[in-house]
Amino acid sequence: MSGSTQQHVGLFPVCYRIGTNAPGAQTLSLNLLVSTPQQEVSGTAAITQAINPPLDVHADVWGEYTDMTVMAPGVSKILITAQGNHGGPGANSIVTFKLHLVVGTDWKDGVANYAYFDGQRWHEVSNAPVHLVDSFYPPLEPGPVILPHPPIMPLYAAPIQSAIASGDLAQMKNLAKLAQQQLDQQPQLQSALEKAKSEVSRLQSR
C-alpha cells in the first residue's frame, strides 16, 4: 500500500472497537477480514449499549477499502466503506448497517461514521473514535497470509459464510487455508492458555 510503513499482503483480520469507551456509552465492535488483492472487507458488526432495554444489534458486513494517498506533508489514510444485514450479501435481507471508517495506513486508530436500523428507524453516529483491539500474535508459516507484525484475531465464521454466499472461489480457498492454519495452531494455543491460567493462580495465591 502506498505510503504505508507496515505492509499487509494477502488476507488478514482486524478487530476494532468504535466508541468513546465511557461508562454506558454505545459501542460498535467491528471484526473484519481484509483481502488486499481485491481491496475488499467482510466480517461482523455488533452494536451494544447498557440501556433499558439493552441495545444489541448485529450484522454481517461486507464492503471495500481505498487508499487515500496524499502528497507530503499531508497524511495518507485508508477509507473503509461497508454495509451489513443478516446473512451477508447473498442473503434476501434488507441492509440494516452502513459504515464509513477512516484509519491510518497502519490500520490502527481512526474515526468512523455509521448508521444502523433497529427494526423501526435508522440511527446515525458521527465522528466516533476507532481503536484497533490488540490480540494474540501466533506465528504464521508462509502461506496466503503474509503479515509482518500484524494485528491477529481468531477467524470468525461469518466471513467464510459470506464468501460461500457470494460464490467467490478464490476467497473461499484463501479463507479455508487461513482457517486451517488457525486450527493447526490450536494445540499450541491451548498449551499456552493452560500455562497462563497456572501462572495467574500462582500469583493470586500469594
Protein backbone atom coordinates (compact mmCIF):
# COMPACT_ATOMS: atom_id res chain seq x y z
CA MET A 1 0.00 0.00 0.00
CA SER A 2 1.29 3.38 -0.95
CA GLY A 3 2.68 5.41 1.89
CA SER A 4 2.36 2.58 4.41
CA THR A 5 5.17 1.77 6.80
CA GLN A 6 3.55 -1.56 7.58
CA GLN A 7 2.79 -3.64 4.51
CA HIS A 8 -0.08 -6.13 4.68
CA VAL A 9 -0.24 -8.62 1.82
CA GLY A 10 -2.89 -11.24 1.15
CA LEU A 11 -5.58 -11.85 3.74
CA PHE A 12 -5.56 -10.53 7.31
CA PRO A 13 -8.07 -9.86 10.11
CA VAL A 14 -8.61 -6.65 12.08
CA CYS A 15 -10.80 -6.03 15.11
CA TYR A 16 -11.95 -2.52 16.01
CA ARG A 17 -13.74 -1.06 19.00
CA ILE A 18 -15.61 2.08 17.93
CA GLY A 19 -16.90 4.49 20.57
CA THR A 20 -15.79 6.66 23.47
CA ASN A 21 -15.44 3.79 25.99
CA ALA A 22 -17.28 5.98 28.52
CA PRO A 23 -19.48 4.09 31.02
CA GLY A 24 -22.84 3.36 29.43
CA ALA A 25 -21.77 4.67 26.03
CA GLN A 26 -22.71 2.95 22.79
CA THR A 27 -20.01 0.68 21.35
CA LEU A 28 -19.55 -0.83 17.90
CA SER A 29 -17.39 -3.95 17.76
CA LEU A 30 -16.23 -4.49 14.18
CA ASN A 31 -14.46 -7.69 13.13
CA LEU A 32 -13.22 -7.65 9.55
CA LEU A 33 -11.25 -9.90 7.26
CA VAL A 34 -9.30 -7.78 4.76
CA SER A 35 -8.43 -9.09 1.30
CA THR A 36 -5.73 -6.89 -0.23
CA PRO A 37 -5.80 -8.34 -3.77
CA GLN A 38 -9.48 -7.39 -4.14
CA GLN A 39 -9.34 -4.49 -1.65
CA GLU A 40 -12.44 -5.95 -0.02
CA VAL A 41 -13.55 -6.49 3.58
CA SER A 42 -16.07 -8.84 5.17
CA GLY A 43 -16.98 -9.75 8.72
CA THR A 44 -19.39 -8.87 11.51
CA ALA A 45 -20.62 -5.82 13.41
CA ALA A 46 -22.15 -5.72 16.89
CA ILE A 47 -23.60 -2.52 18.37
CA THR A 48 -24.26 -2.63 22.11
CA GLN A 49 -25.22 -0.23 24.88
CA ALA A 50 -26.17 -0.78 28.51
CA ILE A 51 -29.54 0.94 28.46
CA ASN A 52 -33.07 -0.23 29.27
CA PRO A 53 -33.93 -2.15 27.18
CA PRO A 54 -30.30 -3.02 26.21
CA LEU A 55 -29.17 -2.16 22.69
CA ASP A 56 -27.90 -5.26 20.89
CA VAL A 57 -27.73 -5.01 17.08
CA HIS A 58 -25.77 -7.49 14.93
CA ALA A 59 -25.00 -7.57 11.22
CA ASP A 60 -22.92 -9.49 8.70
CA VAL A 61 -20.74 -6.91 6.96
CA TRP A 62 -19.10 -6.58 3.56
CA GLY A 63 -17.50 -3.73 1.62
CA GLU A 64 -14.27 -2.34 0.25
CA TYR A 65 -11.39 -0.08 1.16
CA THR A 66 -9.49 2.64 -0.69
CA ASP A 67 -6.01 4.06 -0.16
CA MET A 68 -6.28 7.84 0.20
CA THR A 69 -2.71 8.78 -0.66
CA VAL A 70 -1.73 12.45 -0.44
CA MET A 71 1.48 14.37 -1.06
CA ALA A 72 3.71 15.30 1.89
CA PRO A 73 3.31 16.96 4.33
CA GLY A 74 -0.22 15.54 4.23
CA VAL A 75 -1.02 12.23 5.93
CA SER A 76 -2.27 9.28 3.86
CA LYS A 77 -5.29 7.38 5.13
CA ILE A 78 -7.37 4.29 4.38
CA LEU A 79 -11.13 4.64 3.80
CA ILE A 80 -13.31 1.61 4.53
CA THR A 81 -16.90 1.69 3.27
CA ALA A 82 -19.21 -1.17 4.17
CA GLN A 83 -22.80 -2.23 4.66
CA GLY A 84 -24.45 -5.07 6.51
CA ASN A 85 -27.54 -7.17 7.07
CA HIS A 86 -28.50 -10.58 8.44
CA GLY A 87 -26.88 -13.26 6.28
CA GLY A 88 -24.43 -11.33 4.11
CA PRO A 89 -24.53 -10.04 0.51
CA GLY A 90 -26.13 -13.23 -0.84
CA ALA A 91 -28.99 -13.20 1.64
CA ASN A 92 -32.51 -11.99 0.88
CA SER A 93 -32.31 -9.44 3.69
CA ILE A 94 -32.53 -5.64 3.80
CA VAL A 95 -29.45 -3.57 4.62
CA THR A 96 -29.50 -2.62 8.31
CA PHE A 97 -25.98 -1.23 8.77
CA LYS A 98 -23.82 1.33 6.93
CA LEU A 99 -20.24 2.38 7.70
CA HIS A 100 -17.61 4.92 6.62
CA LEU A 101 -14.37 4.41 8.54
CA VAL A 102 -11.03 6.20 8.12
CA VAL A 103 -7.84 4.80 9.67
CA GLY A 104 -4.13 5.40 9.23
CA THR A 105 -2.05 3.34 6.84
CA ASP A 106 -1.06 1.15 9.82
CA TRP A 107 -4.76 0.10 10.14
CA LYS A 108 -4.88 1.32 13.76
CA ASP A 109 -6.66 4.39 15.13
CA GLY A 110 -9.15 6.48 13.20
CA VAL A 111 -12.69 7.83 13.11
CA ALA A 112 -15.99 6.38 11.91
CA ASN A 113 -19.48 7.41 10.86
CA TYR A 114 -22.07 4.65 10.92
CA ALA A 115 -25.81 4.11 10.84
CA TYR A 116 -27.98 1.20 11.92
CA PHE A 117 -31.62 0.20 11.65
CA ASP A 118 -33.17 -1.02 14.93
CA GLY A 119 -36.26 -2.52 13.31
CA GLN A 120 -38.23 0.71 13.49
CA ARG A 121 -35.97 3.57 12.38
CA TRP A 122 -32.41 4.47 11.40
CA HIS A 123 -29.91 5.90 13.89
CA GLU A 124 -26.75 7.75 12.90
CA VAL A 125 -23.46 8.07 14.81
CA SER A 126 -20.82 10.57 13.64
CA ASN A 127 -17.11 11.05 14.38
CA ALA A 128 -16.84 8.05 16.68
CA PRO A 129 -13.23 7.26 17.70
CA VAL A 130 -11.82 3.99 16.32
CA HIS A 131 -9.24 1.84 18.11
CA LEU A 132 -7.64 -1.39 16.98
CA VAL A 133 -8.17 -4.14 19.54
CA ASP A 134 -4.89 -5.88 20.35
CA SER A 135 -4.93 -9.65 20.48
CA PHE A 136 -2.51 -12.55 20.49
CA TYR A 137 0.26 -12.91 17.88
CA PRO A 138 0.64 -16.57 16.86
CA PRO A 139 3.45 -17.46 14.44
CA LEU A 140 2.35 -17.87 10.85
CA GLU A 141 4.02 -20.15 8.35
CA PRO A 142 4.39 -18.95 4.74
CA GLY A 143 1.03 -19.15 3.02
CA PRO A 144 -1.81 -16.95 1.80
CA VAL A 145 -1.35 -14.54 4.72
CA ILE A 146 1.94 -12.61 4.94
CA LEU A 147 1.85 -10.15 7.82
CA PRO A 148 4.93 -8.51 9.37
CA HIS A 149 3.76 -7.74 12.94
CA PRO A 150 0.06 -7.91 12.00
CA PRO A 151 -2.96 -7.46 14.23
CA ILE A 152 -4.23 -11.01 14.67
CA MET A 153 -7.56 -12.26 15.97
CA PRO A 154 -9.47 -15.55 15.74
CA LEU A 155 -11.16 -16.16 12.40
CA TYR A 156 -14.92 -15.76 12.71
CA ALA A 157 -17.37 -17.96 10.80
CA ALA A 158 -19.22 -15.02 9.20
CA PRO A 159 -16.51 -14.19 6.59
CA ILE A 160 -16.50 -17.83 5.47
CA GLN A 161 -20.29 -17.85 5.23
CA SER A 162 -20.22 -14.57 3.28
CA ALA A 163 -17.66 -15.98 0.84
CA ILE A 164 -19.80 -19.08 0.31
CA ALA A 165 -22.89 -16.94 -0.26
CA SER A 166 -21.04 -14.76 -2.79
CA GLY A 167 -19.69 -17.78 -4.70
CA ASP A 168 -16.16 -16.27 -4.70
CA LEU A 169 -13.99 -19.37 -5.20
CA ALA A 170 -10.64 -17.59 -4.65
CA GLN A 171 -11.80 -16.02 -1.39
CA MET A 172 -13.24 -19.33 -0.17
CA LYS A 173 -9.90 -21.05 -0.84
CA ASN A 174 -7.96 -18.33 1.00
CA LEU A 175 -10.34 -18.43 3.95
CA ALA A 176 -10.15 -22.23 4.09
CA LYS A 177 -6.33 -22.11 4.21
CA LEU A 178 -6.34 -19.41 6.90
CA ALA A 179 -8.89 -21.29 8.99
CA GLN A 180 -6.83 -24.48 8.71
CA GLN A 181 -3.72 -22.60 9.87
CA GLN A 182 -5.56 -21.39 12.95
CA LEU A 183 -6.94 -24.86 13.67
CA ASP A 184 -3.44 -26.33 13.35
CA GLN A 185 -2.21 -23.80 15.92
CA GLN A 186 -4.94 -24.71 18.43
CA PRO A 187 -2.85 -27.26 20.41
CA GLN A 188 -0.08 -24.69 20.97
CA LEU A 189 -2.66 -22.06 21.92
CA GLN A 190 -4.33 -24.46 24.37
CA SER A 191 -0.98 -25.26 25.95
CA ALA A 192 -0.12 -21.58 26.30
CA LEU A 193 -3.55 -20.90 27.82
CA GLU A 194 -3.08 -23.61 30.45
CA LYS A 195 0.32 -22.15 31.38
CA ALA A 196 -1.20 -18.68 31.65
CA LYS A 197 -4.01 -19.96 33.91
CA SER A 198 -1.46 -21.73 36.11
CA GLU A 199 0.61 -18.55 36.41
CA VAL A 200 -2.49 -16.49 37.25
CA SER A 201 -3.42 -18.98 40.00
CA ARG A 202 0.13 -18.91 41.38
CA LEU A 203 0.24 -15.11 41.50
CA GLN A 204 -3.24 -14.84 43.03
CA SER A 205 -2.34 -17.27 45.80
CA ARG A 206 0.47 -15.04 47.07
